[in-house]
Amino acid sequence: MNIGFVGAGKVGCSIAKLLAQREKCVSGFYSRSHSSAMEAAEFVGTTAFDDINQLLEVSDVLFLTVPDGAVATVYRSLNPNLLVDKIICHCSGALSTAVFEGIEKWGASAFSVHPFVAISSRYESYQYLPNSIFTLEGKGARPEHKEAMLALLRDLDLRVEEISGDAKVAYHGAAVMASNLMLGLLSVAKRELVAAGFSEEGAEAAILSLAKGNLGNALNAKEQPFVTALTGPIQRGDAATVAGHLQAFSGDTREIYRLLSKEVLQLARAKNSTLDDIEIVKLLYEEES
């Protein structure tokens, strides 16, 4: 199976490098910037193409690792006569394979292959991909294409979750909550520590240390990681402390605290079925009554 890449950015380089390390055949890169394609090809140990359809012709699988807004345009630039029996993939979290309109009539298959992992470096992130989760969504003219993609991903030691195209946007939103929005939450917490008298550096160190420790507790839990790792006033039924926090915070920070505390309350109930939470419920839901 020959696997080509259109787009030579972080995602394309990372997946291609992992493929090459596992002795899969990476047929090459094409990019609007030929110098970028050459750099990626040198990194992976393959070829840079100056014509997208030449790359398609020599590839069984073609990954379009381009920005979401460019996927449809790049797909339409492919020579349809060369699509027969091909597998075309994109790596968007939010887009489904509906963007590959009409691909079945060419006897081809389309998949979205999204890494559920933060890929931040063009040349280093490939090291962290094994054992991470990838999602697969797709359609096609031949069922064996899907089996081939599942086998390929699992050969890379990736954990694969299959989802439907209708779920892609909500799925991506959940991924954003767990990554980007988590950083936003930590930034809010840092701001409150600075307001309490911490230095900027001290606040960052304290927040990251606390978050790392709690995430470590969840990662090491044998079951129900979010429930097992839960600590703090809500799981103790400490309404007085929660009330103090709500009084100390204002505006968006107070609302963030209140809304997330409602979710934590559900975890606390799962951890302790006899939890006395009546006063906490009053505090968290008072604005909604």
Protein backbone atom coordinates (compact mmCIF):
# COMPACT_ATOMS: atom_id res chain seq x y z
CA MET A 1 0.00 0.00 0.00
CA ASN A 2 1.50 3.32 -1.15
CA ILE A 3 0.43 6.32 0.95
CA GLY A 4 0.78 9.90 -0.25
CA PHE A 5 0.28 13.24 1.48
CA VAL A 6 -1.08 16.50 0.14
CA GLY A 7 0.02 19.12 2.64
CA ALA A 8 3.34 19.14 4.46
CA GLY A 9 2.41 20.60 7.83
CA LYS A 10 2.44 19.19 11.35
CA VAL A 11 -0.22 16.53 10.90
CA GLY A 12 1.03 15.30 7.53
CA CYS A 13 4.65 15.12 8.64
CA SER A 14 3.77 13.39 11.91
CA ILE A 15 1.61 10.66 10.40
CA ALA A 16 3.97 10.12 7.45
CA LYS A 17 6.99 9.83 9.74
CA LEU A 18 5.22 7.25 11.89
CA LEU A 19 4.27 5.29 8.76
CA ALA A 20 7.85 5.33 7.52
CA GLN A 21 9.16 4.23 10.91
CA ARG A 22 6.80 1.25 10.77
CA GLU A 23 8.11 0.40 7.31
CA LYS A 24 4.98 1.46 5.44
CA CYS A 25 5.52 2.90 1.97
CA VAL A 26 5.10 6.68 1.91
CA SER A 27 4.93 7.56 -1.77
CA GLY A 28 5.58 11.26 -1.23
CA PHE A 29 4.39 14.77 -0.50
CA TYR A 30 2.75 17.48 -2.55
CA SER A 31 2.29 21.02 -1.26
CA ARG A 32 1.50 24.43 -2.74
CA SER A 33 4.93 25.33 -1.41
CA HIS A 34 7.32 22.96 -3.13
CA SER A 35 10.02 23.82 -0.60
CA SER A 36 7.71 22.63 2.20
CA ALA A 37 7.10 19.38 0.33
CA MET A 38 10.85 18.93 -0.09
CA GLU A 39 11.50 19.53 3.61
CA ALA A 40 8.78 17.04 4.59
CA ALA A 41 10.05 14.49 2.09
CA GLU A 42 13.59 14.78 3.43
CA PHE A 43 12.33 14.38 7.01
CA VAL A 44 10.33 11.26 6.18
CA GLY A 45 12.71 9.82 3.60
CA THR A 46 10.49 9.98 0.54
CA THR A 47 9.83 12.09 -2.57
CA ALA A 48 8.48 15.61 -3.16
CA PHE A 49 6.05 15.94 -6.08
CA ASP A 50 5.34 19.11 -8.02
CA ASP A 51 2.06 17.77 -9.44
CA ILE A 52 -0.77 16.59 -7.19
CA ASN A 53 -2.15 14.14 -9.73
CA GLN A 54 1.22 12.50 -10.24
CA LEU A 55 1.21 11.80 -6.52
CA LEU A 56 -2.35 10.48 -6.72
CA GLU A 57 -1.41 8.18 -9.58
CA VAL A 58 1.32 6.42 -7.59
CA SER A 59 -0.64 6.28 -4.29
CA ASP A 60 -3.23 3.79 -3.12
CA VAL A 61 -4.15 6.05 -0.21
CA LEU A 62 -3.98 9.84 -0.37
CA PHE A 63 -4.16 11.93 2.79
CA LEU A 64 -5.28 15.54 2.34
CA THR A 65 -3.60 17.06 5.39
CA VAL A 66 -4.60 20.61 4.53
CA PRO A 67 -6.67 23.22 6.44
CA ASP A 68 -10.37 22.36 6.75
CA GLY A 69 -11.40 25.13 4.38
CA ALA A 70 -9.15 23.76 1.64
CA VAL A 71 -10.19 20.09 1.74
CA ALA A 72 -13.06 20.39 -0.75
CA THR A 73 -11.02 22.54 -3.14
CA VAL A 74 -8.08 20.15 -3.11
CA TYR A 75 -10.41 17.19 -3.62
CA ARG A 76 -12.00 18.84 -6.65
CA SER A 77 -8.53 19.42 -8.12
CA LEU A 78 -7.89 15.67 -8.30
CA ASN A 79 -8.21 14.02 -11.70
CA PRO A 80 -11.35 11.85 -11.35
CA ASN A 81 -9.98 9.31 -13.81
CA LEU A 82 -7.20 8.59 -11.32
CA LEU A 83 -9.57 8.10 -8.38
CA VAL A 84 -10.65 4.60 -9.37
CA ASP A 85 -10.11 2.16 -6.48
CA LYS A 86 -8.31 4.82 -4.43
CA ILE A 87 -8.74 5.72 -0.75
CA ILE A 88 -8.88 9.47 -0.06
CA CYS A 89 -8.59 10.70 3.53
CA HIS A 90 -8.61 13.97 5.39
CA CYS A 91 -7.57 14.55 9.00
CA SER A 92 -10.12 17.17 10.03
CA GLY A 93 -11.80 16.77 13.38
CA ALA A 94 -14.92 18.73 12.44
CA LEU A 95 -15.45 17.78 8.77
CA SER A 96 -17.06 14.51 7.76
CA THR A 97 -16.44 12.63 4.54
CA ALA A 98 -19.49 14.36 3.03
CA VAL A 99 -16.93 16.85 1.76
CA PHE A 100 -15.78 14.18 -0.73
CA GLU A 101 -18.94 14.49 -2.77
CA GLY A 102 -19.58 11.79 -5.38
CA ILE A 103 -16.48 9.79 -4.62
CA GLU A 104 -18.30 6.44 -4.77
CA LYS A 105 -19.05 6.77 -8.47
CA TRP A 106 -15.34 6.47 -9.15
CA GLY A 107 -15.10 3.22 -7.20
CA ALA A 108 -13.16 5.05 -4.51
CA SER A 109 -13.58 5.34 -0.74
CA ALA A 110 -13.30 8.30 1.59
CA PHE A 111 -12.37 8.45 5.28
CA SER A 112 -11.71 11.05 7.88
CA VAL A 113 -8.81 9.95 10.08
CA HIS A 114 -8.49 12.32 13.02
CA PRO A 115 -5.78 12.08 15.69
CA PHE A 116 -7.34 12.62 19.12
CA VAL A 117 -4.06 14.09 20.27
CA ALA A 118 -2.47 17.53 20.21
CA ILE A 119 0.04 17.63 17.36
CA SER A 120 2.12 20.70 18.06
CA SER A 121 5.40 20.01 16.25
CA ARG A 122 6.15 19.20 12.63
CA TYR A 123 9.22 17.17 13.51
CA GLU A 124 8.64 15.80 17.03
CA SER A 125 4.96 14.97 17.54
CA TYR A 126 5.18 11.66 15.65
CA GLN A 127 6.97 10.22 18.70
CA TYR A 128 3.82 10.62 20.81
CA LEU A 129 1.33 9.10 18.39
CA PRO A 130 1.68 5.37 19.20
CA ASN A 131 -1.01 4.22 21.66
CA SER A 132 -2.97 7.41 21.09
CA ILE A 133 -6.57 7.39 19.88
CA PHE A 134 -7.52 8.05 16.25
CA THR A 135 -11.11 8.31 15.08
CA LEU A 136 -12.26 6.84 11.78
CA GLU A 137 -15.36 7.91 9.87
CA GLY A 138 -16.04 7.15 6.27
CA LYS A 139 -17.80 5.69 3.31
CA GLY A 140 -16.84 4.06 0.09
CA ALA A 141 -17.55 1.83 -2.83
CA ARG A 142 -15.63 -1.16 -1.46
CA PRO A 143 -15.95 -2.58 2.09
CA GLU A 144 -12.40 -3.90 1.97
CA HIS A 145 -11.14 -0.32 1.89
CA LYS A 146 -12.41 0.21 5.43
CA GLU A 147 -10.80 -3.01 6.60
CA ALA A 148 -7.54 -1.89 5.02
CA MET A 149 -7.66 1.47 6.85
CA LEU A 150 -8.46 -0.17 10.18
CA ALA A 151 -5.59 -2.62 9.72
CA LEU A 152 -3.22 0.19 8.75
CA LEU A 153 -4.03 2.28 11.81
CA ARG A 154 -3.79 -0.67 14.18
CA ASP A 155 -0.45 -1.68 12.66
CA LEU A 156 0.78 1.72 13.83
CA ASP A 157 -0.22 0.85 17.42
CA LEU A 158 -3.06 3.35 17.31
CA ARG A 159 -6.30 2.86 19.18
CA VAL A 160 -9.20 3.35 16.76
CA GLU A 161 -12.70 4.59 17.58
CA GLU A 162 -15.28 4.61 14.79
CA ILE A 163 -17.85 7.42 14.68
CA SER A 164 -20.56 8.57 12.27
CA GLY A 165 -20.35 11.61 10.04
CA ASP A 166 -23.30 13.20 11.83
CA ALA A 167 -21.35 13.14 15.10
CA LYS A 168 -18.20 14.82 13.81
CA VAL A 169 -18.91 18.41 14.92
CA ALA A 170 -19.95 17.42 18.45
CA TYR A 171 -17.00 15.03 18.63
CA HIS A 172 -14.60 17.80 17.69
CA GLY A 173 -16.20 20.14 20.21
CA ALA A 174 -15.57 17.56 22.92
CA ALA A 175 -11.94 17.30 21.84
CA VAL A 176 -11.61 21.08 22.06
CA MET A 177 -13.02 21.00 25.60
CA ALA A 178 -10.44 18.44 26.65
CA SER A 179 -7.50 20.30 25.12
CA ASN A 180 -7.88 23.98 24.21
CA LEU A 181 -10.62 24.82 26.72
CA MET A 182 -8.73 23.01 29.46
CA LEU A 183 -5.88 25.46 28.87
CA GLY A 184 -8.38 28.31 29.06
CA LEU A 185 -9.60 27.00 32.42
CA LEU A 186 -6.04 26.78 33.74
CA SER A 187 -5.45 30.33 32.53
CA VAL A 188 -8.49 31.54 34.53
CA ALA A 189 -7.18 29.75 37.62
CA LYS A 190 -3.75 31.31 37.11
CA ARG A 191 -5.32 34.77 36.91
CA GLU A 192 -7.06 34.23 40.24
CA LEU A 193 -3.79 33.12 41.87
CA VAL A 194 -2.04 36.24 40.58
CA ALA A 195 -4.88 38.35 41.98
CA ALA A 196 -4.34 36.55 45.31
CA GLY A 197 -0.68 37.63 45.35
CA PHE A 198 1.23 35.00 43.39
CA SER A 199 3.87 36.02 40.87
CA GLU A 200 3.11 35.14 37.24
CA GLU A 201 5.79 32.45 37.27
CA GLY A 202 4.71 31.10 40.64
CA ALA A 203 1.07 30.93 39.57
CA GLU A 204 1.94 29.04 36.38
CA ALA A 205 4.13 26.57 38.26
CA ALA A 206 1.51 25.98 40.93
CA ILE A 207 -1.36 25.50 38.49
CA LEU A 208 0.58 23.14 36.22
CA SER A 209 1.84 21.09 39.17
CA LEU A 210 -1.66 20.71 40.61
CA ALA A 211 -3.21 19.86 37.24
CA LYS A 212 -0.46 17.36 36.43
CA GLY A 213 -0.89 15.62 39.78
CA ASN A 214 -4.66 15.33 39.49
CA LEU A 215 -4.48 14.18 35.87
CA GLY A 216 -1.91 11.62 36.95
CA ASN A 217 -4.33 10.32 39.57
CA ALA A 218 -6.96 9.89 36.86
CA LEU A 219 -4.51 8.20 34.50
CA ASN A 220 -3.45 5.75 37.19
CA ALA A 221 -6.98 4.86 38.25
CA LYS A 222 -8.01 1.30 37.45
CA GLU A 223 -11.61 2.29 36.75
CA GLN A 224 -13.82 5.39 36.64
CA PRO A 225 -10.81 7.74 36.42
CA PHE A 226 -12.74 11.00 36.80
CA VAL A 227 -14.64 9.72 39.82
CA THR A 228 -11.59 8.11 41.43
CA ALA A 229 -9.38 11.20 41.08
CA LEU A 230 -12.01 13.62 42.39
CA THR A 231 -11.07 15.62 45.50
CA GLY A 232 -12.19 18.95 46.91
CA PRO A 233 -15.10 20.51 48.75
CA ILE A 234 -17.95 19.22 46.59
CA GLN A 235 -17.03 15.57 47.03
CA ARG A 236 -16.79 16.25 50.79
CA GLY A 237 -20.20 17.93 50.88
CA ASP A 238 -18.56 21.14 52.11
CA ALA A 239 -21.21 23.71 51.16
CA ALA A 240 -19.63 26.50 53.22
CA THR A 241 -16.42 26.39 51.19
CA VAL A 242 -18.32 26.30 47.90
CA ALA A 243 -20.34 29.33 49.04
CA GLY A 244 -17.11 31.14 49.86
CA HIS A 245 -15.70 30.43 46.43
CA LEU A 246 -18.84 31.75 44.75
CA GLN A 247 -18.63 34.93 46.82
CA ALA A 248 -14.94 35.38 46.01
CA PHE A 249 -15.44 35.11 42.26
CA SER A 250 -17.42 37.38 39.99
CA GLY A 251 -18.50 37.66 36.37
CA ASP A 252 -17.39 34.97 33.93
CA THR A 253 -15.06 33.34 36.49
CA ARG A 254 -17.94 32.81 38.90
CA GLU A 255 -20.11 31.35 36.14
CA ILE A 256 -17.32 29.03 34.97
CA TYR A 257 -16.89 27.82 38.56
CA ARG A 258 -20.63 27.30 39.03
CA LEU A 259 -21.23 25.44 35.77
CA LEU A 260 -18.25 23.13 36.14
CA SER A 261 -19.17 22.50 39.78
CA LYS A 262 -22.54 21.16 38.59
CA GLU A 263 -20.71 18.53 36.56
CA VAL A 264 -18.36 17.78 39.47
CA LEU A 265 -21.42 17.28 41.67
CA GLN A 266 -22.46 14.37 39.43
CA LEU A 267 -19.00 12.82 39.85
CA ALA A 268 -19.21 13.34 43.61
CA ARG A 269 -22.56 11.54 43.75
CA ALA A 270 -21.05 8.63 41.84
CA LYS A 271 -18.17 8.53 44.32
CA ASN A 272 -20.35 8.76 47.41
CA SER A 273 -23.94 7.56 47.14
CA THR A 274 -24.75 8.97 50.61
CA LEU A 275 -23.40 12.45 49.87
CA ASP A 276 -25.34 15.20 51.66
CA ASP A 277 -25.48 17.73 48.81
CA ILE A 278 -28.73 19.64 49.47
CA GLU A 279 -27.00 22.91 50.35
CA ILE A 280 -24.53 22.57 47.48
CA VAL A 281 -27.41 22.06 45.05
CA LYS A 282 -29.05 25.25 46.31
CA LEU A 283 -25.82 27.18 45.77
CA LEU A 284 -25.15 25.86 42.27
CA TYR A 285 -28.69 26.07 40.92
CA GLU A 286 -29.97 29.24 42.63
CA GLU A 287 -29.49 31.42 39.53
CA GLU A 288 -31.66 29.06 37.48
CA SER A 289 -34.69 28.99 39.78
